[in-house]
Amino acid sequence: MPGAGGETAAALAEFRAVLPYYEREPARAFDIRQRIGLLLLAAGEHAAGRDQLQRLLFDAERAYGPYHPLPGELRRALDHQRMMGPRP
């Protein structure tokens, strides 16, 4: 798929640019942070993606509790990454 790497990088840059504007809206900020983590994984930046999702999981559990759908979704994504094996 030509250009996909450029599109992923552009999307990452865009999400990172708008994230500070949503600091006072936790639900929206969490959504943007999740998208950043998933884009990092898709771009092959596995360590950075896992780190992003792990930090988001901590914050989401603190904000919503461990049984909210968002922490559950994040745990599943992190478990999937662990099952895929170690990647730098």
PDB file of N, CA and C in Angstrom:
ATOM      1  N   MET A   1       0.848  -1.174   0.000  1.00  0.00           N
ATOM      2  CA  MET A   1       0.000   0.000   0.000  1.00  0.00           C
ATOM      3  C   MET A   1       0.899   1.245   0.000  1.00  0.00           C
ATOM      4  N   PRO A   2       1.134   1.865  -1.145  1.00  0.00           N
ATOM      5  CA  PRO A   2       2.000   3.022  -1.229  1.00  0.00           C
ATOM      6  C   PRO A   2       1.460   4.186  -0.410  1.00  0.00           C
ATOM      7  N   GLY A   3       2.372   4.865   0.277  1.00  0.00           N
ATOM      8  CA  GLY A   3       1.981   6.048   1.033  1.00  0.00           C
ATOM      9  C   GLY A   3       1.396   5.782   2.395  1.00  0.00           C
ATOM     10  N   ALA A   4       1.191   4.521   2.750  1.00  0.00           N
ATOM     11  CA  ALA A   4       0.556   4.216   4.033  1.00  0.00           C
ATOM     12  C   ALA A   4       1.413   4.691   5.193  1.00  0.00           C
ATOM     13  N   GLY A   5       2.747   4.538   5.083  1.00  0.00           N
ATOM     14  CA  GLY A   5       3.634   4.993   6.139  1.00  0.00           C
ATOM     15  C   GLY A   5       3.547   6.491   6.336  1.00  0.00           C
ATOM     16  N   GLY A   6       3.461   7.221   5.210  1.00  0.00           N
ATOM     17  CA  GLY A   6       3.315   8.672   5.286  1.00  0.00           C
ATOM     18  C   GLY A   6       2.000   9.085   5.895  1.00  0.00           C
ATOM     19  N   GLU A   7       0.943   8.345   5.567  1.00  0.00           N
ATOM     20  CA  GLU A   7      -0.373   8.641   6.133  1.00  0.00           C
ATOM     21  C   GLU A   7      -0.383   8.377   7.632  1.00  0.00           C
ATOM     22  N   THR A   8       0.263   7.290   8.058  1.00  0.00           N
ATOM     23  CA  THR A   8       0.333   6.978   9.484  1.00  0.00           C
ATOM     24  C   THR A   8       1.107   8.050  10.223  1.00  0.00           C
ATOM     25  N   ALA A   9       2.240   8.463   9.665  1.00  0.00           N
ATOM     26  CA  ALA A   9       3.044   9.511  10.294  1.00  0.00           C
ATOM     27  C   ALA A   9       2.273  10.823  10.364  1.00  0.00           C
ATOM     28  N   ALA A  10       1.536  11.139   9.302  1.00  0.00           N
ATOM     29  CA  ALA A  10       0.748  12.369   9.293  1.00  0.00           C
ATOM     30  C   ALA A  10      -0.365  12.310  10.343  1.00  0.00           C
ATOM     31  N   ALA A  11      -1.020  11.163  10.455  1.00  0.00           N
ATOM     32  CA  ALA A  11      -2.084  11.010  11.451  1.00  0.00           C
ATOM     33  C   ALA A  11      -1.517  11.128  12.865  1.00  0.00           C
ATOM     34  N   LEU A  12      -0.360  10.504  13.094  1.00  0.00           N
ATOM     35  CA  LEU A  12       0.290  10.612  14.406  1.00  0.00           C
ATOM     36  C   LEU A  12       0.588  12.064  14.744  1.00  0.00           C
ATOM     37  N   ALA A  13       1.151  12.787  13.799  1.00  0.00           N
ATOM     38  CA  ALA A  13       1.479  14.194  14.019  1.00  0.00           C
ATOM     39  C   ALA A  13       0.222  15.007  14.322  1.00  0.00           C
ATOM     40  N   GLU A  14      -0.836  14.734  13.601  1.00  0.00           N
ATOM     41  CA  GLU A  14      -2.092  15.465  13.805  1.00  0.00           C
ATOM     42  C   GLU A  14      -2.674  15.191  15.190  1.00  0.00           C
ATOM     43  N   PHE A  15      -2.727  13.921  15.580  1.00  0.00           N
ATOM     44  CA  PHE A  15      -3.257  13.587  16.901  1.00  0.00           C
ATOM     45  C   PHE A  15      -2.404  14.187  18.013  1.00  0.00           C
ATOM     46  N   ARG A  16      -1.091  14.133  17.841  1.00  0.00           N
ATOM     47  CA  ARG A  16      -0.202  14.717  18.851  1.00  0.00           C
ATOM     48  C   ARG A  16      -0.390  16.229  18.936  1.00  0.00           C
ATOM     49  N   ALA A  17      -0.663  16.860  17.807  1.00  0.00           N
ATOM     50  CA  ALA A  17      -0.851  18.314  17.790  1.00  0.00           C
ATOM     51  C   ALA A  17      -2.137  18.741  18.491  1.00  0.00           C
ATOM     52  N   VAL A  18      -3.199  17.949  18.359  1.00  0.00           N
ATOM     53  CA  VAL A  18      -4.481  18.361  18.958  1.00  0.00           C
ATOM     54  C   VAL A  18      -4.647  17.895  20.404  1.00  0.00           C
ATOM     55  N   LEU A  19      -3.853  16.929  20.823  1.00  0.00           N
ATOM     56  CA  LEU A  19      -4.013  16.382  22.180  1.00  0.00           C
ATOM     57  C   LEU A  19      -3.994  17.454  23.276  1.00  0.00           C
ATOM     58  N   PRO A  20      -3.071  18.408  23.254  1.00  0.00           N
ATOM     59  CA  PRO A  20      -3.063  19.413  24.334  1.00  0.00           C
ATOM     60  C   PRO A  20      -4.364  20.212  24.454  1.00  0.00           C
ATOM     61  N   TYR A  21      -5.107  20.344  23.374  1.00  0.00           N
ATOM     62  CA  TYR A  21      -6.350  21.104  23.401  1.00  0.00           C
ATOM     63  C   TYR A  21      -7.484  20.365  24.117  1.00  0.00           C
ATOM     64  N   TYR A  22      -7.286  19.088  24.398  1.00  0.00           N
ATOM     65  CA  TYR A  22      -8.338  18.287  25.025  1.00  0.00           C
ATOM     66  C   TYR A  22      -7.973  17.836  26.437  1.00  0.00           C
ATOM     67  N   GLU A  23      -6.987  18.484  27.050  1.00  0.00           N
ATOM     68  CA  GLU A  23      -6.558  18.091  28.392  1.00  0.00           C
ATOM     69  C   GLU A  23      -7.700  18.157  29.410  1.00  0.00           C
ATOM     70  N   ARG A  24      -8.630  19.069  29.225  1.00  0.00           N
ATOM     71  CA  ARG A  24      -9.738  19.220  30.183  1.00  0.00           C
ATOM     72  C   ARG A  24     -10.940  18.338  29.840  1.00  0.00           C
ATOM     73  N   GLU A  25     -10.817  17.546  28.790  1.00  0.00           N
ATOM     74  CA  GLU A  25     -11.869  16.609  28.387  1.00  0.00           C
ATOM     75  C   GLU A  25     -11.287  15.203  28.412  1.00  0.00           C
ATOM     76  N   PRO A  26     -11.274  14.563  29.589  1.00  0.00           N
ATOM     77  CA  PRO A  26     -10.587  13.272  29.710  1.00  0.00           C
ATOM     78  C   PRO A  26     -11.044  12.223  28.699  1.00  0.00           C
ATOM     79  N   ALA A  27     -12.323  12.101  28.449  1.00  0.00           N
ATOM     80  CA  ALA A  27     -12.798  11.064  27.523  1.00  0.00           C
ATOM     81  C   ALA A  27     -12.214  11.279  26.133  1.00  0.00           C
ATOM     82  N   ARG A  28     -12.216  12.514  25.667  1.00  0.00           N
ATOM     83  CA  ARG A  28     -11.671  12.812  24.329  1.00  0.00           C
ATOM     84  C   ARG A  28     -10.153  12.628  24.314  1.00  0.00           C
ATOM     85  N   ALA A  29      -9.490  13.103  25.384  1.00  0.00           N
ATOM     86  CA  ALA A  29      -8.036  12.944  25.470  1.00  0.00           C
ATOM     87  C   ALA A  29      -7.658  11.463  25.494  1.00  0.00           C
ATOM     88  N   PHE A  30      -8.431  10.643  26.222  1.00  0.00           N
ATOM     89  CA  PHE A  30      -8.147   9.209  26.269  1.00  0.00           C
ATOM     90  C   PHE A  30      -8.311   8.593  24.881  1.00  0.00           C
ATOM     91  N   ASP A  31      -9.340   9.021  24.146  1.00  0.00           N
ATOM     92  CA  ASP A  31      -9.555   8.504  22.795  1.00  0.00           C
ATOM     93  C   ASP A  31      -8.371   8.848  21.895  1.00  0.00           C
ATOM     94  N   ILE A  32      -7.907  10.078  21.968  1.00  0.00           N
ATOM     95  CA  ILE A  32      -6.776  10.503  21.143  1.00  0.00           C
ATOM     96  C   ILE A  32      -5.520   9.734  21.531  1.00  0.00           C
ATOM     97  N   ARG A  33      -5.284   9.573  22.826  1.00  0.00           N
ATOM     98  CA  ARG A  33      -4.110   8.822  23.284  1.00  0.00           C
ATOM     99  C   ARG A  33      -4.169   7.370  22.821  1.00  0.00           C
ATOM    100  N   GLN A  34      -5.362   6.778  22.835  1.00  0.00           N
ATOM    101  CA  GLN A  34      -5.500   5.399  22.358  1.00  0.00           C
ATOM    102  C   GLN A  34      -5.187   5.316  20.864  1.00  0.00           C
ATOM    103  N   ARG A  35      -5.677   6.266  20.106  1.00  0.00           N
ATOM    104  CA  ARG A  35      -5.402   6.281  18.671  1.00  0.00           C
ATOM    105  C   ARG A  35      -3.910   6.442  18.402  1.00  0.00           C
ATOM    106  N   ILE A  36      -3.235   7.277  19.193  1.00  0.00           N
ATOM    107  CA  ILE A  36      -1.799   7.455  19.046  1.00  0.00           C
ATOM    108  C   ILE A  36      -1.085   6.127  19.301  1.00  0.00           C
ATOM    109  N   GLY A  37      -1.461   5.441  20.385  1.00  0.00           N
ATOM    110  CA  GLY A  37      -0.837   4.156  20.704  1.00  0.00           C
ATOM    111  C   GLY A  37      -1.039   3.129  19.610  1.00  0.00           C
ATOM    112  N   LEU A  38      -2.249   3.052  19.092  1.00  0.00           N
ATOM    113  CA  LEU A  38      -2.532   2.073  18.037  1.00  0.00           C
ATOM    114  C   LEU A  38      -1.813   2.431  16.728  1.00  0.00           C
ATOM    115  N   LEU A  39      -1.716   3.716  16.434  1.00  0.00           N
ATOM    116  CA  LEU A  39      -0.974   4.127  15.245  1.00  0.00           C
ATOM    117  C   LEU A  39       0.511   3.821  15.383  1.00  0.00           C
ATOM    118  N   LEU A  40       1.052   4.013  16.582  1.00  0.00           N
ATOM    119  CA  LEU A  40       2.459   3.668  16.811  1.00  0.00           C
ATOM    120  C   LEU A  40       2.687   2.181  16.558  1.00  0.00           C
ATOM    121  N   LEU A  41       1.770   1.348  17.053  1.00  0.00           N
ATOM    122  CA  LEU A  41       1.889  -0.090  16.807  1.00  0.00           C
ATOM    123  C   LEU A  41       1.819  -0.392  15.317  1.00  0.00           C
ATOM    124  N   ALA A  42       0.875   0.246  14.629  1.00  0.00           N
ATOM    125  CA  ALA A  42       0.715   0.012  13.192  1.00  0.00           C
ATOM    126  C   ALA A  42       1.939   0.471  12.411  1.00  0.00           C
ATOM    127  N   ALA A  43       2.625   1.487  12.927  1.00  0.00           N
ATOM    128  CA  ALA A  43       3.814   2.010  12.256  1.00  0.00           C
ATOM    129  C   ALA A  43       5.054   1.182  12.573  1.00  0.00           C
ATOM    130  N   GLY A  44       4.892   0.153  13.402  1.00  0.00           N
ATOM    131  CA  GLY A  44       6.029  -0.695  13.748  1.00  0.00           C
ATOM    132  C   GLY A  44       6.815  -0.205  14.949  1.00  0.00           C
ATOM    133  N   GLU A  45       6.345   0.849  15.588  1.00  0.00           N
ATOM    134  CA  GLU A  45       7.005   1.372  16.784  1.00  0.00           C
ATOM    135  C   GLU A  45       6.378   0.686  18.002  1.00  0.00           C
ATOM    136  N   HIS A  46       6.670  -0.601  18.146  1.00  0.00           N
ATOM    137  CA  HIS A  46       5.993  -1.439  19.129  1.00  0.00           C
ATOM    138  C   HIS A  46       6.245  -1.011  20.565  1.00  0.00           C
ATOM    139  N   ALA A  47       7.484  -0.718  20.909  1.00  0.00           N
ATOM    140  CA  ALA A  47       7.788  -0.318  22.289  1.00  0.00           C
ATOM    141  C   ALA A  47       7.076   0.981  22.649  1.00  0.00           C
ATOM    142  N   ALA A  48       7.104   1.946  21.739  1.00  0.00           N
ATOM    143  CA  ALA A  48       6.440   3.231  21.992  1.00  0.00           C
ATOM    144  C   ALA A  48       4.924   3.056  22.064  1.00  0.00           C
ATOM    145  N   GLY A  49       4.375   2.212  21.204  1.00  0.00           N
ATOM    146  CA  GLY A  49       2.932   1.965  21.220  1.00  0.00           C
ATOM    147  C   GLY A  49       2.484   1.290  22.502  1.00  0.00           C
ATOM    148  N   ARG A  50       3.246   0.262  22.918  1.00  0.00           N
ATOM    149  CA  ARG A  50       2.901  -0.419  24.179  1.00  0.00           C
ATOM    150  C   ARG A  50       3.013   0.535  25.354  1.00  0.00           C
ATOM    151  N   ASP A  51       4.049   1.359  25.361  1.00  0.00           N
ATOM    152  CA  ASP A  51       4.224   2.332  26.450  1.00  0.00           C
ATOM    153  C   ASP A  51       3.052   3.302  26.501  1.00  0.00           C
ATOM    154  N   GLN A  52       2.644   3.796  25.355  1.00  0.00           N
ATOM    155  CA  GLN A  52       1.510   4.724  25.285  1.00  0.00           C
ATOM    156  C   GLN A  52       0.245   4.064  25.829  1.00  0.00           C
ATOM    157  N   LEU A  53      -0.029   2.837  25.389  1.00  0.00           N
ATOM    158  CA  LEU A  53      -1.240   2.146  25.832  1.00  0.00           C
ATOM    159  C   LEU A  53      -1.168   1.777  27.311  1.00  0.00           C
ATOM    160  N   GLN A  54       0.015   1.428  27.804  1.00  0.00           N
ATOM    161  CA  GLN A  54       0.168   1.069  29.218  1.00  0.00           C
ATOM    162  C   GLN A  54      -0.082   2.286  30.109  1.00  0.00           C
ATOM    163  N   ARG A  55       0.470   3.435  29.732  1.00  0.00           N
ATOM    164  CA  ARG A  55       0.240   4.656  30.510  1.00  0.00           C
ATOM    165  C   ARG A  55      -1.226   5.061  30.457  1.00  0.00           C
ATOM    166  N   LEU A  56      -1.847   4.894  29.299  1.00  0.00           N
ATOM    167  CA  LEU A  56      -3.266   5.204  29.163  1.00  0.00           C
ATOM    168  C   LEU A  56      -4.104   4.258  30.021  1.00  0.00           C
ATOM    169  N   LEU A  57      -3.747   2.985  30.052  1.00  0.00           N
ATOM    170  CA  LEU A  57      -4.466   2.023  30.885  1.00  0.00           C
ATOM    171  C   LEU A  57      -4.446   2.456  32.345  1.00  0.00           C
ATOM    172  N   PHE A  58      -3.284   2.856  32.834  1.00  0.00           N
ATOM    173  CA  PHE A  58      -3.170   3.320  34.221  1.00  0.00           C
ATOM    174  C   PHE A  58      -4.109   4.502  34.467  1.00  0.00           C
ATOM    175  N   ASP A  59      -4.083   5.488  33.565  1.00  0.00           N
ATOM    176  CA  ASP A  59      -4.922   6.682  33.736  1.00  0.00           C
ATOM    177  C   ASP A  59      -6.407   6.356  33.602  1.00  0.00           C
ATOM    178  N   ALA A  60      -6.754   5.479  32.665  1.00  0.00           N
ATOM    179  CA  ALA A  60      -8.162   5.118  32.457  1.00  0.00           C
ATOM    180  C   ALA A  60      -8.707   4.345  33.656  1.00  0.00           C
ATOM    181  N   GLU A  61      -7.911   3.443  34.214  1.00  0.00           N
ATOM    182  CA  GLU A  61      -8.364   2.711  35.399  1.00  0.00           C
ATOM    183  C   GLU A  61      -8.556   3.662  36.576  1.00  0.00           C
ATOM    184  N   ARG A  62      -7.664   4.622  36.699  1.00  0.00           N
ATOM    185  CA  ARG A  62      -7.777   5.591  37.783  1.00  0.00           C
ATOM    186  C   ARG A  62      -9.015   6.465  37.605  1.00  0.00           C
ATOM    187  N   ALA A  63      -9.320   6.846  36.378  1.00  0.00           N
ATOM    188  CA  ALA A  63     -10.458   7.725  36.111  1.00  0.00           C
ATOM    189  C   ALA A  63     -11.790   6.993  36.117  1.00  0.00           C
ATOM    190  N   TYR A  64     -11.828   5.779  35.541  1.00  0.00           N
ATOM    191  CA  TYR A  64     -13.092   5.081  35.330  1.00  0.00           C
ATOM    192  C   TYR A  64     -13.275   3.816  36.154  1.00  0.00           C
ATOM    193  N   GLY A  65     -12.175   3.299  36.693  1.00  0.00           N
ATOM    194  CA  GLY A  65     -12.237   2.022  37.384  1.00  0.00           C
ATOM    195  C   GLY A  65     -11.852   0.901  36.436  1.00  0.00           C
ATOM    196  N   PRO A  66     -11.449  -0.249  36.995  1.00  0.00           N
ATOM    197  CA  PRO A  66     -10.928  -1.341  36.164  1.00  0.00           C
ATOM    198  C   PRO A  66     -11.976  -2.054  35.311  1.00  0.00           C
ATOM    199  N   TYR A  67     -13.266  -1.862  35.612  1.00  0.00           N
ATOM    200  CA  TYR A  67     -14.300  -2.616  34.892  1.00  0.00           C
ATOM    201  C   TYR A  67     -14.976  -1.808  33.786  1.00  0.00           C
ATOM    202  N   HIS A  68     -14.516  -0.598  33.564  1.00  0.00           N
ATOM    203  CA  HIS A  68     -15.034   0.234  32.473  1.00  0.00           C
ATOM    204  C   HIS A  68     -14.575  -0.383  31.148  1.00  0.00           C
ATOM    205  N   PRO A  69     -15.329  -0.214  30.074  1.00  0.00           N
ATOM    206  CA  PRO A  69     -14.936  -0.806  28.781  1.00  0.00           C
ATOM    207  C   PRO A  69     -13.565  -0.353  28.262  1.00  0.00           C
ATOM    208  N   LEU A  70     -13.171   0.899  28.493  1.00  0.00           N
ATOM    209  CA  LEU A  70     -11.890   1.365  27.958  1.00  0.00           C
ATOM    210  C   LEU A  70     -10.708   0.606  28.556  1.00  0.00           C
ATOM    211  N   PRO A  71     -10.593   0.490  29.878  1.00  0.00           N
ATOM    212  CA  PRO A  71      -9.478  -0.311  30.402  1.00  0.00           C
ATOM    213  C   PRO A  71      -9.492  -1.752  29.890  1.00  0.00           C
ATOM    214  N   GLY A  72     -10.676  -2.327  29.752  1.00  0.00           N
ATOM    215  CA  GLY A  72     -10.769  -3.693  29.227  1.00  0.00           C
ATOM    216  C   GLY A  72     -10.236  -3.785  27.810  1.00  0.00           C
ATOM    217  N   GLU A  73     -10.587  -2.821  26.995  1.00  0.00           N
ATOM    218  CA  GLU A  73     -10.118  -2.784  25.605  1.00  0.00           C
ATOM    219  C   GLU A  73      -8.595  -2.604  25.555  1.00  0.00           C
ATOM    220  N   LEU A  74      -8.078  -1.749  26.422  1.00  0.00           N
ATOM    221  CA  LEU A  74      -6.638  -1.518  26.464  1.00  0.00           C
ATOM    222  C   LEU A  74      -5.893  -2.765  26.935  1.00  0.00           C
ATOM    223  N   ARG A  75      -6.443  -3.450  27.937  1.00  0.00           N
ATOM    224  CA  ARG A  75      -5.801  -4.685  28.410  1.00  0.00           C
ATOM    225  C   ARG A  75      -5.762  -5.729  27.298  1.00  0.00           C
ATOM    226  N   ARG A  76      -6.842  -5.847  26.531  1.00  0.00           N
ATOM    227  CA  ARG A  76      -6.869  -6.805  25.419  1.00  0.00           C
ATOM    228  C   ARG A  76      -5.825  -6.451  24.365  1.00  0.00           C
ATOM    229  N   ALA A  77      -5.690  -5.174  24.046  1.00  0.00           N
ATOM    230  CA  ALA A  77      -4.691  -4.757  23.050  1.00  0.00           C
ATOM    231  C   ALA A  77      -3.278  -5.040  23.555  1.00  0.00           C
ATOM    232  N   LEU A  78      -3.028  -4.776  24.833  1.00  0.00           N
ATOM    233  CA  LEU A  78      -1.708  -5.037  25.410  1.00  0.00           C
ATOM    234  C   LEU A  78      -1.426  -6.534  25.490  1.00  0.00           C
ATOM    235  N   ASP A  79      -2.433  -7.314  25.855  1.00  0.00           N
ATOM    236  CA  ASP A  79      -2.268  -8.777  25.896  1.00  0.00           C
ATOM    237  C   ASP A  79      -1.949  -9.311  24.497  1.00  0.00           C
ATOM    238  N   HIS A  80      -2.621  -8.779  23.506  1.00  0.00           N
ATOM    239  CA  HIS A  80      -2.365  -9.207  22.127  1.00  0.00           C
ATOM    240  C   HIS A  80      -0.916  -8.909  21.748  1.00  0.00           C
ATOM    241  N   GLN A  81      -0.428  -7.745  22.129  1.00  0.00           N
ATOM    242  CA  GLN A  81       0.961  -7.389  21.835  1.00  0.00           C
ATOM    243  C   GLN A  81       1.929  -8.336  22.544  1.00  0.00           C
ATOM    244  N   ARG A  82       1.618  -8.697  23.785  1.00  0.00           N
ATOM    245  CA  ARG A  82       2.480  -9.636  24.527  1.00  0.00           C
ATOM    246  C   ARG A  82       2.505 -11.000  23.852  1.00  0.00           C
ATOM    247  N   MET A  83       1.345 -11.443  23.360  1.00  0.00           N
ATOM    248  CA  MET A  83       1.279 -12.757  22.702  1.00  0.00           C
ATOM    249  C   MET A  83       2.025 -12.762  21.375  1.00  0.00           C
ATOM    250  N   MET A  84       2.138 -11.600  20.758  1.00  0.00           N
ATOM    251  CA  MET A  84       2.860 -11.512  19.486  1.00  0.00           C
ATOM    252  C   MET A  84       4.355 -11.656  19.682  1.00  0.00           C
ATOM    253  N   GLY A  85       4.815 -11.566  20.920  1.00  0.00           N
ATOM    254  CA  GLY A  85       6.248 -11.733  21.207  1.00  0.00           C
ATOM    255  C   GLY A  85       6.956 -10.417  21.351  1.00  0.00           C
ATOM    256  N   PRO A  86       8.170 -10.490  21.877  1.00  0.00           N
ATOM    257  CA  PRO A  86       8.917  -9.248  22.090  1.00  0.00           C
ATOM    258  C   PRO A  86       9.333  -8.601  20.775  1.00  0.00           C
ATOM    259  N   ARG A  87       9.122  -7.330  20.707  1.00  0.00           N
ATOM    260  CA  ARG A  87       9.545  -6.541  19.553  1.00  0.00           C
ATOM    261  C   ARG A  87      10.160  -5.272  20.092  1.00  0.00           C
ATOM    262  N   PRO A  88      11.262  -4.865  19.541  1.00  0.00           N
ATOM    263  CA  PRO A  88      11.943  -3.644  20.020  1.00  0.00           C
ATOM    264  C   PRO A  88      11.127  -2.408  19.825  1.00  0.00           C
TER     265      PRO A  88
END
